[in-house]
């Protein structure tokens, strides 16, 4: 079980990083104005991509709390869900509030969705796989 969770953390980070970077590239390309044709070629162009990779790395680090679901005392369905999702969701909310500086505009929301949704989608898939595997191991 531990090996499955650790591999899931790594896969969720890797695949969501690739998906988020592609979505960010498409988003930045879609909002580019004609007068800013060379905007992506400036020295700071890699900053947004690097921040997404680091953001997803922090989400993956917070997801290590999922390892608690391997212990017998934490194997109730509600507590498994909390340990898999509570810390990453709280981290996302805190980061979004700090990043947006109290103001919720369209661009901040879109960037938060681009950077978080792929990770949470993959992480939810691995949570589903974990529950399926856990139930099949109980029946044996």
N, C-alpha and C. Protein backbone atom coordinates (compact mmCIF):
# COMPACT_ATOMS: atom_id res chain seq x y z
N UNK A 1 0.81 -1.20 0.00
CA UNK A 1 0.00 0.00 0.00
C UNK A 1 0.86 1.27 0.00
N UNK A 2 1.90 1.25 0.81
CA UNK A 2 2.77 2.44 0.86
C UNK A 2 3.41 2.71 -0.49
N UNK A 3 3.85 1.63 -1.12
CA UNK A 3 4.49 1.80 -2.43
C UNK A 3 3.49 2.37 -3.44
N UNK A 4 2.24 1.90 -3.39
CA UNK A 4 1.21 2.42 -4.29
C UNK A 4 0.99 3.91 -4.06
N UNK A 5 0.93 4.34 -2.79
CA UNK A 5 0.70 5.75 -2.48
C UNK A 5 1.89 6.60 -2.92
N UNK A 6 3.10 6.13 -2.66
CA UNK A 6 4.29 6.90 -3.06
C UNK A 6 4.39 7.03 -4.58
N UNK A 7 4.11 5.95 -5.29
CA UNK A 7 4.13 6.02 -6.76
C UNK A 7 2.99 6.92 -7.26
N UNK A 8 1.85 6.89 -6.59
CA UNK A 8 0.73 7.76 -6.97
C UNK A 8 1.08 9.23 -6.77
N UNK A 9 1.78 9.54 -5.69
CA UNK A 9 2.20 10.93 -5.44
C UNK A 9 3.13 11.38 -6.56
N UNK A 10 4.09 10.55 -6.92
CA UNK A 10 5.03 10.91 -7.99
C UNK A 10 4.32 11.05 -9.33
N UNK A 11 3.46 10.10 -9.67
CA UNK A 11 2.75 10.16 -10.95
C UNK A 11 1.83 11.38 -11.02
N UNK A 12 1.13 11.66 -9.92
CA UNK A 12 0.22 12.81 -9.91
C UNK A 12 1.02 14.09 -10.13
N UNK A 13 2.19 14.21 -9.50
CA UNK A 13 3.01 15.40 -9.69
C UNK A 13 3.52 15.50 -11.13
N UNK A 14 4.05 14.41 -11.65
CA UNK A 14 4.65 14.43 -12.98
C UNK A 14 3.61 14.71 -14.07
N UNK A 15 2.54 13.94 -14.09
CA UNK A 15 1.55 14.10 -15.14
C UNK A 15 0.81 15.43 -15.03
N UNK A 16 0.50 15.84 -13.82
CA UNK A 16 -0.21 17.12 -13.67
C UNK A 16 0.70 18.29 -14.01
N UNK A 17 2.01 18.15 -13.78
CA UNK A 17 2.94 19.21 -14.19
C UNK A 17 2.92 19.38 -15.70
N UNK A 18 2.97 18.28 -16.41
CA UNK A 18 2.96 18.35 -17.87
C UNK A 18 1.64 18.93 -18.37
N UNK A 19 0.52 18.46 -17.83
CA UNK A 19 -0.79 18.94 -18.26
C UNK A 19 -0.97 20.42 -17.92
N UNK A 20 -0.56 20.82 -16.71
CA UNK A 20 -0.71 22.22 -16.30
C UNK A 20 0.16 23.15 -17.14
N UNK A 21 1.36 22.71 -17.47
CA UNK A 21 2.25 23.54 -18.29
C UNK A 21 1.66 23.70 -19.69
N UNK A 22 1.12 22.63 -20.24
CA UNK A 22 0.49 22.73 -21.55
C UNK A 22 -0.73 23.66 -21.51
N UNK A 23 -1.55 23.52 -20.48
CA UNK A 23 -2.71 24.40 -20.35
C UNK A 23 -2.30 25.86 -20.15
N UNK A 24 -1.26 26.09 -19.36
CA UNK A 24 -0.77 27.45 -19.16
C UNK A 24 -0.24 28.04 -20.46
N UNK A 25 0.49 27.23 -21.21
CA UNK A 25 1.01 27.71 -22.50
C UNK A 25 -0.14 28.09 -23.43
N UNK A 26 -1.16 27.23 -23.50
CA UNK A 26 -2.31 27.53 -24.35
C UNK A 26 -3.06 28.77 -23.86
N UNK A 27 -3.18 28.91 -22.55
CA UNK A 27 -3.87 30.08 -21.99
C UNK A 27 -3.10 31.36 -22.29
N UNK A 28 -1.79 31.34 -22.07
CA UNK A 28 -0.99 32.53 -22.34
C UNK A 28 -0.96 32.87 -23.83
N UNK A 29 -0.99 31.85 -24.66
CA UNK A 29 -1.02 32.08 -26.10
C UNK A 29 -2.38 32.64 -26.53
N UNK A 30 -3.44 32.23 -25.86
CA UNK A 30 -4.77 32.70 -26.23
C UNK A 30 -5.00 34.15 -25.81
N UNK A 31 -4.39 34.59 -24.71
CA UNK A 31 -4.63 35.96 -24.25
C UNK A 31 -3.59 36.94 -24.78
N UNK A 32 -2.67 36.46 -25.57
CA UNK A 32 -1.61 37.33 -26.10
C UNK A 32 -2.19 38.34 -27.08
N UNK A 33 -1.79 39.57 -26.93
CA UNK A 33 -2.23 40.63 -27.82
C UNK A 33 -1.23 40.76 -28.97
N UNK A 34 -1.65 41.28 -30.13
CA UNK A 34 -0.72 41.38 -31.27
C UNK A 34 0.51 42.23 -30.97
N UNK A 35 0.37 43.27 -30.15
CA UNK A 35 1.54 44.10 -29.86
C UNK A 35 2.52 43.42 -28.90
N UNK A 36 2.09 42.35 -28.27
CA UNK A 36 2.96 41.60 -27.36
C UNK A 36 3.41 40.29 -28.00
N UNK A 37 3.77 40.35 -29.24
CA UNK A 37 4.10 39.15 -30.00
C UNK A 37 5.27 38.39 -29.39
N UNK A 38 6.23 39.09 -28.84
CA UNK A 38 7.42 38.43 -28.31
C UNK A 38 7.41 38.37 -26.78
N UNK A 39 6.24 38.40 -26.20
CA UNK A 39 6.12 38.38 -24.74
C UNK A 39 6.68 37.10 -24.14
N UNK A 40 6.51 35.99 -24.80
CA UNK A 40 6.97 34.72 -24.26
C UNK A 40 8.48 34.54 -24.36
N UNK A 41 9.15 35.46 -25.03
CA UNK A 41 10.59 35.30 -25.23
C UNK A 41 11.40 36.17 -24.28
N UNK A 42 10.79 36.79 -23.30
CA UNK A 42 11.53 37.62 -22.38
C UNK A 42 12.21 36.75 -21.33
N UNK A 43 13.05 37.37 -20.51
CA UNK A 43 13.82 36.62 -19.52
C UNK A 43 12.95 36.01 -18.43
N UNK A 44 11.79 36.57 -18.18
CA UNK A 44 10.92 36.09 -17.12
C UNK A 44 9.88 35.08 -17.63
N UNK A 45 9.99 34.63 -18.86
CA UNK A 45 8.96 33.76 -19.42
C UNK A 45 8.88 32.41 -18.73
N UNK A 46 9.97 31.92 -18.22
CA UNK A 46 9.96 30.61 -17.57
C UNK A 46 9.49 30.64 -16.13
N UNK A 47 9.30 31.82 -15.58
CA UNK A 47 8.90 31.94 -14.18
C UNK A 47 7.55 31.30 -13.91
N UNK A 48 6.57 31.54 -14.75
CA UNK A 48 5.23 30.98 -14.53
C UNK A 48 5.26 29.46 -14.60
N UNK A 49 6.03 28.92 -15.54
CA UNK A 49 6.12 27.46 -15.66
C UNK A 49 6.84 26.86 -14.45
N UNK A 50 7.89 27.51 -13.99
CA UNK A 50 8.61 27.04 -12.81
C UNK A 50 7.75 27.12 -11.56
N UNK A 51 6.95 28.17 -11.44
CA UNK A 51 6.06 28.30 -10.29
C UNK A 51 5.00 27.20 -10.27
N UNK A 52 4.51 26.82 -11.42
CA UNK A 52 3.53 25.73 -11.47
C UNK A 52 4.17 24.43 -11.03
N UNK A 53 5.38 24.16 -11.48
CA UNK A 53 6.06 22.92 -11.08
C UNK A 53 6.30 22.91 -9.57
N UNK A 54 6.73 24.03 -9.02
CA UNK A 54 6.96 24.11 -7.57
C UNK A 54 5.63 24.01 -6.82
N UNK A 55 4.59 24.66 -7.31
CA UNK A 55 3.26 24.60 -6.68
C UNK A 55 2.79 23.15 -6.60
N UNK A 56 2.91 22.42 -7.70
CA UNK A 56 2.47 21.04 -7.71
C UNK A 56 3.35 20.16 -6.85
N UNK A 57 4.63 20.52 -6.73
CA UNK A 57 5.51 19.79 -5.83
C UNK A 57 5.06 19.98 -4.38
N UNK A 58 4.68 21.18 -4.01
CA UNK A 58 4.18 21.41 -2.65
C UNK A 58 2.86 20.66 -2.42
N UNK A 59 1.98 20.64 -3.41
CA UNK A 59 0.75 19.86 -3.26
C UNK A 59 1.08 18.39 -3.03
N UNK A 60 2.05 17.89 -3.76
CA UNK A 60 2.45 16.49 -3.60
C UNK A 60 3.08 16.25 -2.23
N UNK A 61 3.83 17.21 -1.74
CA UNK A 61 4.40 17.05 -0.40
C UNK A 61 3.32 17.02 0.67
N UNK A 62 2.30 17.86 0.52
CA UNK A 62 1.20 17.84 1.47
C UNK A 62 0.37 16.56 1.36
N UNK A 63 0.44 15.90 0.22
CA UNK A 63 -0.34 14.67 0.06
C UNK A 63 0.31 13.48 0.73
N UNK A 64 1.48 13.65 1.32
CA UNK A 64 2.10 12.54 2.06
C UNK A 64 1.25 12.13 3.26
N UNK A 65 0.30 12.97 3.65
CA UNK A 65 -0.61 12.58 4.74
C UNK A 65 -1.46 11.38 4.33
N UNK A 66 -1.53 11.07 3.04
CA UNK A 66 -2.27 9.89 2.58
C UNK A 66 -1.66 8.60 3.11
N UNK A 67 -0.39 8.65 3.48
CA UNK A 67 0.25 7.45 4.03
C UNK A 67 -0.38 7.03 5.35
N UNK A 68 -1.05 7.95 6.03
CA UNK A 68 -1.73 7.59 7.27
C UNK A 68 -2.87 6.60 7.02
N UNK A 69 -3.41 6.60 5.81
CA UNK A 69 -4.51 5.69 5.52
C UNK A 69 -4.06 4.24 5.44
N UNK A 70 -2.77 3.98 5.51
CA UNK A 70 -2.27 2.61 5.55
C UNK A 70 -2.41 2.00 6.95
N UNK A 71 -2.54 2.85 7.94
CA UNK A 71 -2.66 2.36 9.32
C UNK A 71 -4.09 1.93 9.59
N UNK A 72 -4.24 0.91 10.39
CA UNK A 72 -5.57 0.37 10.69
C UNK A 72 -6.48 1.38 11.37
N UNK A 73 -5.93 2.24 12.22
CA UNK A 73 -6.77 3.19 12.95
C UNK A 73 -7.34 4.29 12.06
N UNK A 74 -6.79 4.49 10.87
CA UNK A 74 -7.24 5.56 9.98
C UNK A 74 -7.94 5.04 8.74
N UNK A 75 -8.49 3.82 8.79
CA UNK A 75 -9.03 3.23 7.58
C UNK A 75 -10.55 3.37 7.43
N UNK A 76 -11.16 4.23 8.18
CA UNK A 76 -12.57 4.54 7.94
C UNK A 76 -12.65 5.38 6.67
N UNK A 77 -13.74 5.26 5.95
CA UNK A 77 -13.81 5.94 4.65
C UNK A 77 -13.72 7.46 4.79
N UNK A 78 -14.34 8.02 5.83
CA UNK A 78 -14.28 9.48 6.00
C UNK A 78 -12.87 9.94 6.36
N UNK A 79 -12.20 9.21 7.22
CA UNK A 79 -10.84 9.63 7.61
C UNK A 79 -9.86 9.40 6.46
N UNK A 80 -10.07 8.35 5.65
CA UNK A 80 -9.21 8.16 4.48
C UNK A 80 -9.34 9.34 3.53
N UNK A 81 -10.58 9.76 3.29
CA UNK A 81 -10.81 10.90 2.41
C UNK A 81 -10.14 12.16 2.96
N UNK A 82 -10.28 12.39 4.26
CA UNK A 82 -9.67 13.57 4.87
C UNK A 82 -8.16 13.55 4.74
N UNK A 83 -7.54 12.42 4.99
CA UNK A 83 -6.07 12.37 4.92
C UNK A 83 -5.56 12.44 3.49
N UNK A 84 -6.37 12.03 2.54
CA UNK A 84 -5.94 12.14 1.15
C UNK A 84 -6.13 13.56 0.61
N UNK A 85 -7.18 14.27 1.07
CA UNK A 85 -7.52 15.54 0.44
C UNK A 85 -7.49 16.77 1.34
N UNK A 86 -7.56 16.60 2.66
CA UNK A 86 -7.72 17.76 3.54
C UNK A 86 -6.53 18.72 3.46
N UNK A 87 -5.32 18.23 3.65
CA UNK A 87 -4.16 19.14 3.62
C UNK A 87 -3.96 19.79 2.26
N UNK A 88 -4.04 19.05 1.14
CA UNK A 88 -3.90 19.74 -0.15
C UNK A 88 -4.99 20.79 -0.41
N UNK A 89 -6.23 20.50 -0.01
CA UNK A 89 -7.30 21.48 -0.24
C UNK A 89 -7.09 22.71 0.63
N UNK A 90 -6.73 22.51 1.90
CA UNK A 90 -6.45 23.66 2.77
C UNK A 90 -5.29 24.48 2.24
N UNK A 91 -4.26 23.82 1.75
CA UNK A 91 -3.11 24.52 1.17
C UNK A 91 -3.53 25.32 -0.05
N UNK A 92 -4.38 24.74 -0.90
CA UNK A 92 -4.86 25.46 -2.10
C UNK A 92 -5.65 26.70 -1.71
N UNK A 93 -6.53 26.56 -0.74
CA UNK A 93 -7.35 27.71 -0.32
C UNK A 93 -6.47 28.80 0.26
N UNK A 94 -5.54 28.43 1.13
CA UNK A 94 -4.65 29.43 1.74
C UNK A 94 -3.79 30.11 0.69
N UNK A 95 -3.27 29.33 -0.24
CA UNK A 95 -2.42 29.91 -1.28
C UNK A 95 -3.22 30.81 -2.20
N UNK A 96 -4.44 30.42 -2.53
CA UNK A 96 -5.27 31.23 -3.42
C UNK A 96 -5.60 32.57 -2.77
N UNK A 97 -5.93 32.55 -1.48
CA UNK A 97 -6.23 33.80 -0.78
C UNK A 97 -4.99 34.68 -0.71
N UNK A 98 -3.83 34.09 -0.44
CA UNK A 98 -2.59 34.87 -0.37
C UNK A 98 -2.18 35.38 -1.76
N UNK A 99 -2.36 34.55 -2.78
CA UNK A 99 -1.96 34.91 -4.13
C UNK A 99 -2.85 36.00 -4.70
N UNK A 100 -4.14 35.93 -4.41
CA UNK A 100 -5.06 36.90 -4.97
C UNK A 100 -5.13 38.19 -4.16
N UNK A 101 -4.48 38.21 -3.01
CA UNK A 101 -4.44 39.38 -2.14
C UNK A 101 -5.84 39.88 -1.81
N UNK A 102 -6.74 38.95 -1.56
CA UNK A 102 -8.10 39.31 -1.16
C UNK A 102 -9.02 39.64 -2.30
N UNK A 103 -8.50 39.81 -3.50
CA UNK A 103 -9.35 40.13 -4.65
C UNK A 103 -9.49 38.93 -5.57
N UNK A 104 -10.70 38.63 -5.94
CA UNK A 104 -10.96 37.50 -6.81
C UNK A 104 -11.28 38.00 -8.21
N UNK A 105 -10.31 37.97 -9.07
CA UNK A 105 -10.58 38.36 -10.45
C UNK A 105 -10.49 37.12 -11.35
N UNK A 106 -10.90 37.28 -12.57
CA UNK A 106 -11.00 36.17 -13.51
C UNK A 106 -9.64 35.51 -13.76
N UNK A 107 -8.61 36.30 -13.91
CA UNK A 107 -7.29 35.75 -14.23
C UNK A 107 -6.73 34.91 -13.08
N UNK A 108 -6.90 35.35 -11.84
CA UNK A 108 -6.42 34.57 -10.69
C UNK A 108 -7.15 33.24 -10.58
N UNK A 109 -8.44 33.28 -10.82
CA UNK A 109 -9.22 32.04 -10.74
C UNK A 109 -8.81 31.08 -11.84
N UNK A 110 -8.62 31.57 -13.05
CA UNK A 110 -8.22 30.71 -14.17
C UNK A 110 -6.84 30.11 -13.91
N UNK A 111 -5.90 30.90 -13.44
CA UNK A 111 -4.57 30.38 -13.16
C UNK A 111 -4.58 29.36 -12.03
N UNK A 112 -5.42 29.58 -11.04
CA UNK A 112 -5.53 28.60 -9.94
C UNK A 112 -6.12 27.29 -10.43
N UNK A 113 -7.12 27.37 -11.30
CA UNK A 113 -7.72 26.16 -11.85
C UNK A 113 -6.72 25.43 -12.74
N UNK A 114 -5.98 26.16 -13.57
CA UNK A 114 -4.98 25.55 -14.45
C UNK A 114 -3.91 24.84 -13.63
N UNK A 115 -3.52 25.43 -12.51
CA UNK A 115 -2.44 24.83 -11.74
C UNK A 115 -2.92 23.75 -10.78
N UNK A 116 -4.18 23.74 -10.36
CA UNK A 116 -4.63 22.78 -9.35
C UNK A 116 -5.52 21.67 -9.88
N UNK A 117 -6.37 21.96 -10.83
CA UNK A 117 -7.35 20.98 -11.29
C UNK A 117 -6.73 19.69 -11.85
N UNK A 118 -5.69 19.76 -12.68
CA UNK A 118 -5.10 18.49 -13.16
C UNK A 118 -4.55 17.63 -12.02
N UNK A 119 -3.93 18.27 -11.03
CA UNK A 119 -3.38 17.50 -9.92
C UNK A 119 -4.50 16.84 -9.11
N UNK A 120 -5.54 17.61 -8.79
CA UNK A 120 -6.63 17.05 -8.01
C UNK A 120 -7.39 15.98 -8.79
N UNK A 121 -7.50 16.12 -10.10
CA UNK A 121 -8.16 15.09 -10.91
C UNK A 121 -7.38 13.79 -10.87
N UNK A 122 -6.08 13.88 -11.09
CA UNK A 122 -5.25 12.68 -11.04
C UNK A 122 -5.20 12.09 -9.63
N UNK A 123 -5.11 12.95 -8.63
CA UNK A 123 -5.06 12.48 -7.25
C UNK A 123 -6.37 11.80 -6.88
N UNK A 124 -7.50 12.32 -7.35
CA UNK A 124 -8.79 11.67 -7.12
C UNK A 124 -8.87 10.31 -7.81
N UNK A 125 -8.29 10.20 -9.00
CA UNK A 125 -8.24 8.92 -9.70
C UNK A 125 -7.43 7.91 -8.89
N UNK A 126 -6.28 8.34 -8.36
CA UNK A 126 -5.46 7.42 -7.57
C UNK A 126 -6.14 7.07 -6.24
N UNK A 127 -6.91 7.99 -5.69
CA UNK A 127 -7.69 7.69 -4.49
C UNK A 127 -8.74 6.63 -4.79
N UNK A 128 -9.39 6.75 -5.93
CA UNK A 128 -10.37 5.74 -6.36
C UNK A 128 -9.68 4.39 -6.54
N UNK A 129 -8.52 4.37 -7.19
CA UNK A 129 -7.78 3.13 -7.39
C UNK A 129 -7.35 2.52 -6.05
N UNK A 130 -6.94 3.38 -5.11
CA UNK A 130 -6.54 2.92 -3.79
C UNK A 130 -7.71 2.25 -3.08
N UNK A 131 -8.88 2.87 -3.12
CA UNK A 131 -10.06 2.28 -2.47
C UNK A 131 -10.46 0.96 -3.13
N UNK A 132 -10.36 0.91 -4.45
CA UNK A 132 -10.68 -0.32 -5.16
C UNK A 132 -9.69 -1.43 -4.79
N UNK A 133 -8.42 -1.07 -4.73
CA UNK A 133 -7.39 -2.05 -4.38
C UNK A 133 -7.51 -2.47 -2.92
N UNK A 134 -7.83 -1.51 -2.06
CA UNK A 134 -7.96 -1.79 -0.64
C UNK A 134 -9.13 -2.75 -0.40
N UNK A 135 -10.26 -2.55 -1.07
CA UNK A 135 -11.42 -3.43 -0.91
C UNK A 135 -11.14 -4.82 -1.45
N UNK A 136 -10.40 -4.91 -2.57
CA UNK A 136 -10.08 -6.23 -3.12
C UNK A 136 -9.09 -6.96 -2.21
N UNK A 137 -8.20 -6.25 -1.53
CA UNK A 137 -7.28 -6.89 -0.59
C UNK A 137 -8.00 -7.36 0.66
N UNK A 138 -9.07 -6.67 1.07
CA UNK A 138 -9.85 -7.09 2.24
C UNK A 138 -10.62 -8.37 1.96
N UNK A 139 -11.10 -8.53 0.73
CA UNK A 139 -11.90 -9.70 0.39
C UNK A 139 -11.07 -10.97 0.25
N UNK A 140 -9.78 -10.83 0.09
CA UNK A 140 -8.92 -12.02 -0.10
C UNK A 140 -8.63 -12.70 1.20
